[in-house]
Amino acid sequence: MDHRTRALFAALFALLVGVTAGAAILLSGPSTTDPDAPLGTTVVTGVVVAVDSRGLGDVRGFRLRRDDGELIDLDLRALESGTGFPPGHLAEHQATATPIRVLVREEGGVLLAIRVEDAPR
């Protein structure tokens, strides 16, 4: 193989590697890991479709439609702190269909919302 053919193959190979790497970066989804999340928890995002509430001060849980369409019920009894995202704020997110991000832990077959916050845009 002469020098010109070898150079052409090398250039085509470099182009193929570059296109493949670019596609991998563009097509990869956002990470669902949180470096500050406690062990045994996962992060889910979605839209609130129902709130189990006896009033703004007595919100017990909610139903979330995840980004993939799955509906999950989340219990608020293990919520770390309601000051950053008060549970009564869930009704506003339900009304506006504004996504939220939830740190979740499964315990005894129940999905517990540990942390709730506005989803990054």
N, C-alpha and C. Protein backbone atom coordinates (compact mmCIF):
# COMPACT_ATOMS: atom_id res chain seq x y z
N MET A 1 0.85 -1.16 0.00
CA MET A 1 0.00 0.00 0.00
C MET A 1 0.91 1.24 0.00
N ASP A 2 0.60 2.19 -0.86
CA ASP A 2 1.45 3.37 -0.94
C ASP A 2 1.10 4.40 0.15
N HIS A 3 1.94 5.39 0.28
CA HIS A 3 1.80 6.40 1.33
C HIS A 3 0.47 7.16 1.24
N ARG A 4 0.05 7.50 0.04
CA ARG A 4 -1.18 8.26 -0.16
C ARG A 4 -2.40 7.45 0.28
N THR A 5 -2.47 6.16 -0.06
CA THR A 5 -3.59 5.30 0.33
C THR A 5 -3.63 5.12 1.84
N ARG A 6 -2.46 4.93 2.45
CA ARG A 6 -2.38 4.77 3.90
C ARG A 6 -2.86 6.04 4.61
N ALA A 7 -2.50 7.19 4.11
CA ALA A 7 -2.92 8.46 4.70
C ALA A 7 -4.44 8.64 4.57
N LEU A 8 -5.01 8.23 3.44
CA LEU A 8 -6.44 8.32 3.23
C LEU A 8 -7.18 7.42 4.23
N PHE A 9 -6.71 6.17 4.40
CA PHE A 9 -7.33 5.25 5.37
C PHE A 9 -7.21 5.80 6.80
N ALA A 10 -6.09 6.39 7.14
CA ALA A 10 -5.90 6.95 8.47
C ALA A 10 -6.86 8.12 8.70
N ALA A 11 -7.04 8.96 7.70
CA ALA A 11 -7.95 10.09 7.82
C ALA A 11 -9.39 9.62 7.96
N LEU A 12 -9.79 8.62 7.17
CA LEU A 12 -11.14 8.08 7.27
C LEU A 12 -11.37 7.42 8.63
N PHE A 13 -10.38 6.71 9.14
CA PHE A 13 -10.51 6.08 10.45
C PHE A 13 -10.67 7.14 11.55
N ALA A 14 -9.88 8.21 11.49
CA ALA A 14 -9.97 9.28 12.47
C ALA A 14 -11.35 9.95 12.41
N LEU A 15 -11.86 10.15 11.21
CA LEU A 15 -13.19 10.73 11.04
C LEU A 15 -14.26 9.82 11.63
N LEU A 16 -14.16 8.52 11.39
CA LEU A 16 -15.11 7.56 11.93
C LEU A 16 -15.09 7.55 13.45
N VAL A 17 -13.91 7.58 14.05
CA VAL A 17 -13.79 7.61 15.50
C VAL A 17 -14.40 8.91 16.05
N GLY A 18 -14.13 10.03 15.41
CA GLY A 18 -14.68 11.30 15.86
C GLY A 18 -16.20 11.34 15.78
N VAL A 19 -16.76 10.86 14.69
CA VAL A 19 -18.22 10.83 14.53
C VAL A 19 -18.85 9.91 15.57
N THR A 20 -18.26 8.75 15.80
CA THR A 20 -18.79 7.80 16.78
C THR A 20 -18.73 8.40 18.19
N ALA A 21 -17.64 9.03 18.55
CA ALA A 21 -17.52 9.64 19.87
C ALA A 21 -18.53 10.78 20.04
N GLY A 22 -18.69 11.58 19.02
CA GLY A 22 -19.67 12.67 19.08
C GLY A 22 -21.09 12.16 19.23
N ALA A 23 -21.43 11.11 18.50
CA ALA A 23 -22.77 10.53 18.61
C ALA A 23 -22.99 9.94 20.00
N ALA A 24 -21.99 9.29 20.55
CA ALA A 24 -22.12 8.72 21.89
C ALA A 24 -22.38 9.80 22.93
N ILE A 25 -21.71 10.92 22.81
CA ILE A 25 -21.90 12.02 23.76
C ILE A 25 -23.28 12.64 23.59
N LEU A 26 -23.71 12.88 22.37
CA LEU A 26 -25.01 13.50 22.12
C LEU A 26 -26.18 12.61 22.47
N LEU A 27 -26.04 11.31 22.26
CA LEU A 27 -27.16 10.39 22.48
C LEU A 27 -27.23 9.83 23.88
N SER A 28 -26.21 10.03 24.68
CA SER A 28 -26.26 9.50 26.04
C SER A 28 -27.22 10.34 26.85
N GLY A 29 -28.03 9.68 27.67
CA GLY A 29 -29.01 10.37 28.49
C GLY A 29 -28.36 10.98 29.72
N PRO A 30 -29.11 11.82 30.42
CA PRO A 30 -28.58 12.41 31.64
C PRO A 30 -28.42 11.35 32.72
N SER A 31 -27.44 11.53 33.56
CA SER A 31 -27.17 10.58 34.63
C SER A 31 -28.25 10.68 35.70
N THR A 32 -28.61 9.55 36.28
CA THR A 32 -29.57 9.56 37.37
C THR A 32 -28.90 9.29 38.69
N THR A 33 -27.61 9.54 38.74
CA THR A 33 -26.91 9.39 40.01
C THR A 33 -26.65 10.76 40.59
N ASP A 34 -26.69 10.82 41.90
CA ASP A 34 -26.45 12.06 42.61
C ASP A 34 -25.29 11.81 43.56
N PRO A 35 -24.18 12.51 43.41
CA PRO A 35 -23.03 12.25 44.27
C PRO A 35 -23.32 12.48 45.75
N ASP A 36 -24.32 13.29 46.07
CA ASP A 36 -24.68 13.55 47.46
C ASP A 36 -25.78 12.62 47.98
N ALA A 37 -26.26 11.73 47.12
CA ALA A 37 -27.36 10.84 47.51
C ALA A 37 -26.86 9.73 48.43
N PRO A 38 -27.63 9.44 49.47
CA PRO A 38 -27.26 8.32 50.34
C PRO A 38 -27.30 6.99 49.59
N LEU A 39 -26.53 6.04 50.07
CA LEU A 39 -26.49 4.71 49.48
C LEU A 39 -27.89 4.10 49.49
N GLY A 40 -28.25 3.42 48.43
CA GLY A 40 -29.55 2.76 48.35
C GLY A 40 -30.67 3.64 47.85
N THR A 41 -30.33 4.82 47.35
CA THR A 41 -31.35 5.72 46.81
C THR A 41 -31.15 5.89 45.32
N THR A 42 -32.22 6.29 44.64
CA THR A 42 -32.16 6.60 43.22
C THR A 42 -32.83 7.94 42.99
N VAL A 43 -32.55 8.54 41.86
CA VAL A 43 -33.14 9.83 41.51
C VAL A 43 -34.11 9.60 40.36
N VAL A 44 -35.31 10.10 40.50
CA VAL A 44 -36.31 10.04 39.43
C VAL A 44 -36.81 11.45 39.15
N THR A 45 -37.17 11.69 37.93
CA THR A 45 -37.78 12.97 37.56
C THR A 45 -39.09 12.70 36.87
N GLY A 46 -39.98 13.66 36.97
CA GLY A 46 -41.27 13.50 36.33
C GLY A 46 -42.22 14.61 36.73
N VAL A 47 -43.50 14.38 36.42
CA VAL A 47 -44.55 15.36 36.65
C VAL A 47 -45.53 14.81 37.68
N VAL A 48 -45.90 15.64 38.64
CA VAL A 48 -46.87 15.26 39.66
C VAL A 48 -48.25 15.16 39.01
N VAL A 49 -48.92 14.01 39.17
CA VAL A 49 -50.25 13.84 38.58
C VAL A 49 -51.33 13.71 39.65
N ALA A 50 -50.95 13.49 40.91
CA ALA A 50 -51.92 13.42 42.01
C ALA A 50 -51.19 13.68 43.32
N VAL A 51 -51.90 14.30 44.27
CA VAL A 51 -51.34 14.59 45.58
C VAL A 51 -52.30 14.06 46.63
N ASP A 52 -51.79 13.27 47.58
CA ASP A 52 -52.57 12.77 48.71
C ASP A 52 -52.41 13.77 49.84
N SER A 53 -53.43 14.59 50.04
CA SER A 53 -53.30 15.71 50.98
C SER A 53 -54.59 15.92 51.74
N ARG A 54 -54.45 16.30 52.98
CA ARG A 54 -55.57 16.70 53.83
C ARG A 54 -55.49 18.22 54.05
N GLY A 55 -54.73 18.91 53.21
CA GLY A 55 -54.50 20.35 53.33
C GLY A 55 -53.02 20.63 53.11
N LEU A 56 -52.65 21.88 52.98
CA LEU A 56 -51.26 22.25 52.71
C LEU A 56 -50.29 21.73 53.76
N GLY A 57 -50.72 21.66 55.01
CA GLY A 57 -49.84 21.22 56.08
C GLY A 57 -49.84 19.72 56.31
N ASP A 58 -50.65 18.97 55.57
CA ASP A 58 -50.76 17.53 55.79
C ASP A 58 -50.73 16.77 54.47
N VAL A 59 -49.60 16.84 53.79
CA VAL A 59 -49.42 16.13 52.53
C VAL A 59 -48.73 14.81 52.86
N ARG A 60 -49.34 13.69 52.44
CA ARG A 60 -48.82 12.37 52.81
C ARG A 60 -48.06 11.67 51.69
N GLY A 61 -48.37 12.01 50.46
CA GLY A 61 -47.70 11.36 49.34
C GLY A 61 -48.17 11.95 48.02
N PHE A 62 -47.66 11.40 46.94
CA PHE A 62 -48.06 11.88 45.62
C PHE A 62 -47.76 10.82 44.58
N ARG A 63 -48.39 10.98 43.42
CA ARG A 63 -48.15 10.09 42.27
C ARG A 63 -47.37 10.89 41.24
N LEU A 64 -46.32 10.26 40.72
CA LEU A 64 -45.43 10.90 39.77
C LEU A 64 -45.44 10.13 38.45
N ARG A 65 -45.59 10.85 37.35
CA ARG A 65 -45.42 10.23 36.02
C ARG A 65 -43.99 10.51 35.61
N ARG A 66 -43.20 9.43 35.61
CA ARG A 66 -41.78 9.56 35.27
C ARG A 66 -41.61 9.96 33.82
N ASP A 67 -40.39 10.36 33.48
CA ASP A 67 -40.09 10.77 32.11
C ASP A 67 -40.36 9.65 31.11
N ASP A 68 -40.24 8.38 31.55
CA ASP A 68 -40.49 7.25 30.65
C ASP A 68 -41.97 6.85 30.61
N GLY A 69 -42.86 7.60 31.32
CA GLY A 69 -44.29 7.33 31.30
C GLY A 69 -44.79 6.48 32.45
N GLU A 70 -43.91 5.85 33.19
CA GLU A 70 -44.31 5.01 34.32
C GLU A 70 -44.89 5.85 35.44
N LEU A 71 -45.98 5.37 36.06
CA LEU A 71 -46.58 6.03 37.20
C LEU A 71 -46.08 5.37 38.47
N ILE A 72 -45.60 6.18 39.42
CA ILE A 72 -45.15 5.63 40.71
C ILE A 72 -45.76 6.44 41.84
N ASP A 73 -46.09 5.75 42.92
CA ASP A 73 -46.63 6.40 44.11
C ASP A 73 -45.50 6.57 45.11
N LEU A 74 -45.36 7.77 45.65
CA LEU A 74 -44.29 8.09 46.59
C LEU A 74 -44.89 8.55 47.92
N ASP A 75 -44.31 8.06 48.99
CA ASP A 75 -44.73 8.37 50.35
C ASP A 75 -43.78 9.43 50.92
N LEU A 76 -44.31 10.40 51.65
CA LEU A 76 -43.49 11.50 52.16
C LEU A 76 -43.07 11.34 53.62
N ARG A 77 -43.35 10.22 54.26
CA ARG A 77 -43.04 10.10 55.70
C ARG A 77 -41.55 10.16 56.01
N ALA A 78 -40.68 9.92 55.02
CA ALA A 78 -39.23 9.95 55.27
C ALA A 78 -38.57 11.19 54.67
N LEU A 79 -39.37 12.19 54.30
CA LEU A 79 -38.84 13.40 53.68
C LEU A 79 -37.85 14.07 54.63
N GLU A 80 -36.63 14.32 54.14
CA GLU A 80 -35.56 14.91 54.97
C GLU A 80 -35.94 16.25 55.54
N SER A 81 -36.34 17.16 54.69
CA SER A 81 -36.69 18.50 55.15
C SER A 81 -37.68 19.09 54.18
N GLY A 82 -38.74 19.62 54.70
CA GLY A 82 -39.75 20.23 53.86
C GLY A 82 -39.55 21.72 53.69
N THR A 83 -38.43 22.26 54.19
CA THR A 83 -38.24 23.70 54.10
C THR A 83 -37.78 24.15 52.72
N GLY A 84 -36.92 23.38 52.07
CA GLY A 84 -36.45 23.75 50.74
C GLY A 84 -37.51 23.57 49.68
N PHE A 85 -38.35 22.58 49.85
CA PHE A 85 -39.44 22.28 48.93
C PHE A 85 -40.60 21.80 49.79
N PRO A 86 -41.43 22.73 50.28
CA PRO A 86 -42.52 22.31 51.16
C PRO A 86 -43.48 21.37 50.43
N PRO A 87 -43.94 20.32 51.10
CA PRO A 87 -44.85 19.36 50.45
C PRO A 87 -46.09 20.01 49.85
N GLY A 88 -46.58 21.10 50.44
CA GLY A 88 -47.74 21.78 49.88
C GLY A 88 -47.48 22.35 48.49
N HIS A 89 -46.21 22.51 48.13
CA HIS A 89 -45.82 23.04 46.82
C HIS A 89 -46.08 22.03 45.70
N LEU A 90 -46.28 20.76 46.07
CA LEU A 90 -46.54 19.72 45.06
C LEU A 90 -47.81 20.02 44.25
N ALA A 91 -48.83 20.61 44.91
CA ALA A 91 -50.08 20.93 44.21
C ALA A 91 -49.84 21.94 43.09
N GLU A 92 -48.94 22.90 43.32
CA GLU A 92 -48.61 23.87 42.27
C GLU A 92 -47.93 23.16 41.10
N HIS A 93 -47.02 22.24 41.40
CA HIS A 93 -46.35 21.50 40.34
C HIS A 93 -47.35 20.63 39.58
N GLN A 94 -48.34 20.10 40.27
CA GLN A 94 -49.38 19.31 39.60
C GLN A 94 -50.18 20.21 38.65
N ALA A 95 -50.55 21.39 39.12
CA ALA A 95 -51.36 22.30 38.31
C ALA A 95 -50.62 22.82 37.08
N THR A 96 -49.31 23.03 37.21
CA THR A 96 -48.54 23.61 36.11
C THR A 96 -47.80 22.56 35.28
N ALA A 97 -47.81 21.30 35.74
CA ALA A 97 -47.07 20.21 35.06
C ALA A 97 -45.58 20.52 34.96
N THR A 98 -45.07 21.24 35.96
CA THR A 98 -43.65 21.53 36.03
C THR A 98 -42.93 20.33 36.65
N PRO A 99 -41.92 19.77 36.00
CA PRO A 99 -41.25 18.56 36.51
C PRO A 99 -40.53 18.79 37.84
N ILE A 100 -40.44 17.70 38.60
CA ILE A 100 -39.69 17.70 39.84
C ILE A 100 -38.66 16.58 39.79
N ARG A 101 -37.70 16.67 40.67
CA ARG A 101 -36.64 15.66 40.82
C ARG A 101 -36.76 15.12 42.24
N VAL A 102 -36.81 13.78 42.38
CA VAL A 102 -37.04 13.17 43.69
C VAL A 102 -35.96 12.13 43.97
N LEU A 103 -35.40 12.20 45.15
CA LEU A 103 -34.48 11.18 45.64
C LEU A 103 -35.35 10.14 46.35
N VAL A 104 -35.28 8.88 45.89
CA VAL A 104 -36.20 7.83 46.34
C VAL A 104 -35.45 6.65 46.95
N ARG A 105 -36.06 6.09 48.01
CA ARG A 105 -35.55 4.86 48.61
C ARG A 105 -36.72 3.91 48.78
N GLU A 106 -36.51 2.64 48.45
CA GLU A 106 -37.55 1.62 48.63
C GLU A 106 -37.37 0.98 49.99
N GLU A 107 -38.47 0.87 50.72
CA GLU A 107 -38.42 0.29 52.06
C GLU A 107 -39.71 -0.50 52.29
N GLY A 108 -39.58 -1.82 52.41
CA GLY A 108 -40.75 -2.65 52.66
C GLY A 108 -41.80 -2.58 51.57
N GLY A 109 -41.39 -2.43 50.34
CA GLY A 109 -42.32 -2.36 49.22
C GLY A 109 -42.92 -0.98 49.00
N VAL A 110 -42.52 0.00 49.80
CA VAL A 110 -43.02 1.37 49.67
C VAL A 110 -41.90 2.26 49.16
N LEU A 111 -42.22 3.11 48.18
CA LEU A 111 -41.24 4.07 47.68
C LEU A 111 -41.33 5.35 48.51
N LEU A 112 -40.25 5.67 49.19
CA LEU A 112 -40.19 6.84 50.06
C LEU A 112 -39.46 7.98 49.37
N ALA A 113 -40.09 9.14 49.34
CA ALA A 113 -39.44 10.34 48.82
C ALA A 113 -38.55 10.89 49.93
N ILE A 114 -37.25 10.92 49.70
CA ILE A 114 -36.31 11.41 50.69
C ILE A 114 -36.06 12.90 50.52
N ARG A 115 -35.92 13.32 49.26
CA ARG A 115 -35.68 14.73 48.92
C ARG A 115 -36.50 15.07 47.68
N VAL A 116 -37.11 16.25 47.65
CA VAL A 116 -37.87 16.71 46.50
C VAL A 116 -37.36 18.10 46.13
N GLU A 117 -37.19 18.31 44.82
CA GLU A 117 -36.73 19.64 44.37
C GLU A 117 -37.22 19.87 42.94
N ASP A 118 -37.15 21.11 42.51
CA ASP A 118 -37.48 21.43 41.11
C ASP A 118 -36.49 20.71 40.21
N ALA A 119 -36.98 20.15 39.11
CA ALA A 119 -36.10 19.49 38.16
C ALA A 119 -35.30 20.52 37.39
N PRO A 120 -34.01 20.23 37.15
CA PRO A 120 -33.21 21.16 36.36
C PRO A 120 -33.78 21.27 34.94
N ARG A 121 -33.67 22.44 34.38
CA ARG A 121 -34.19 22.65 33.01
C ARG A 121 -33.07 22.67 32.03
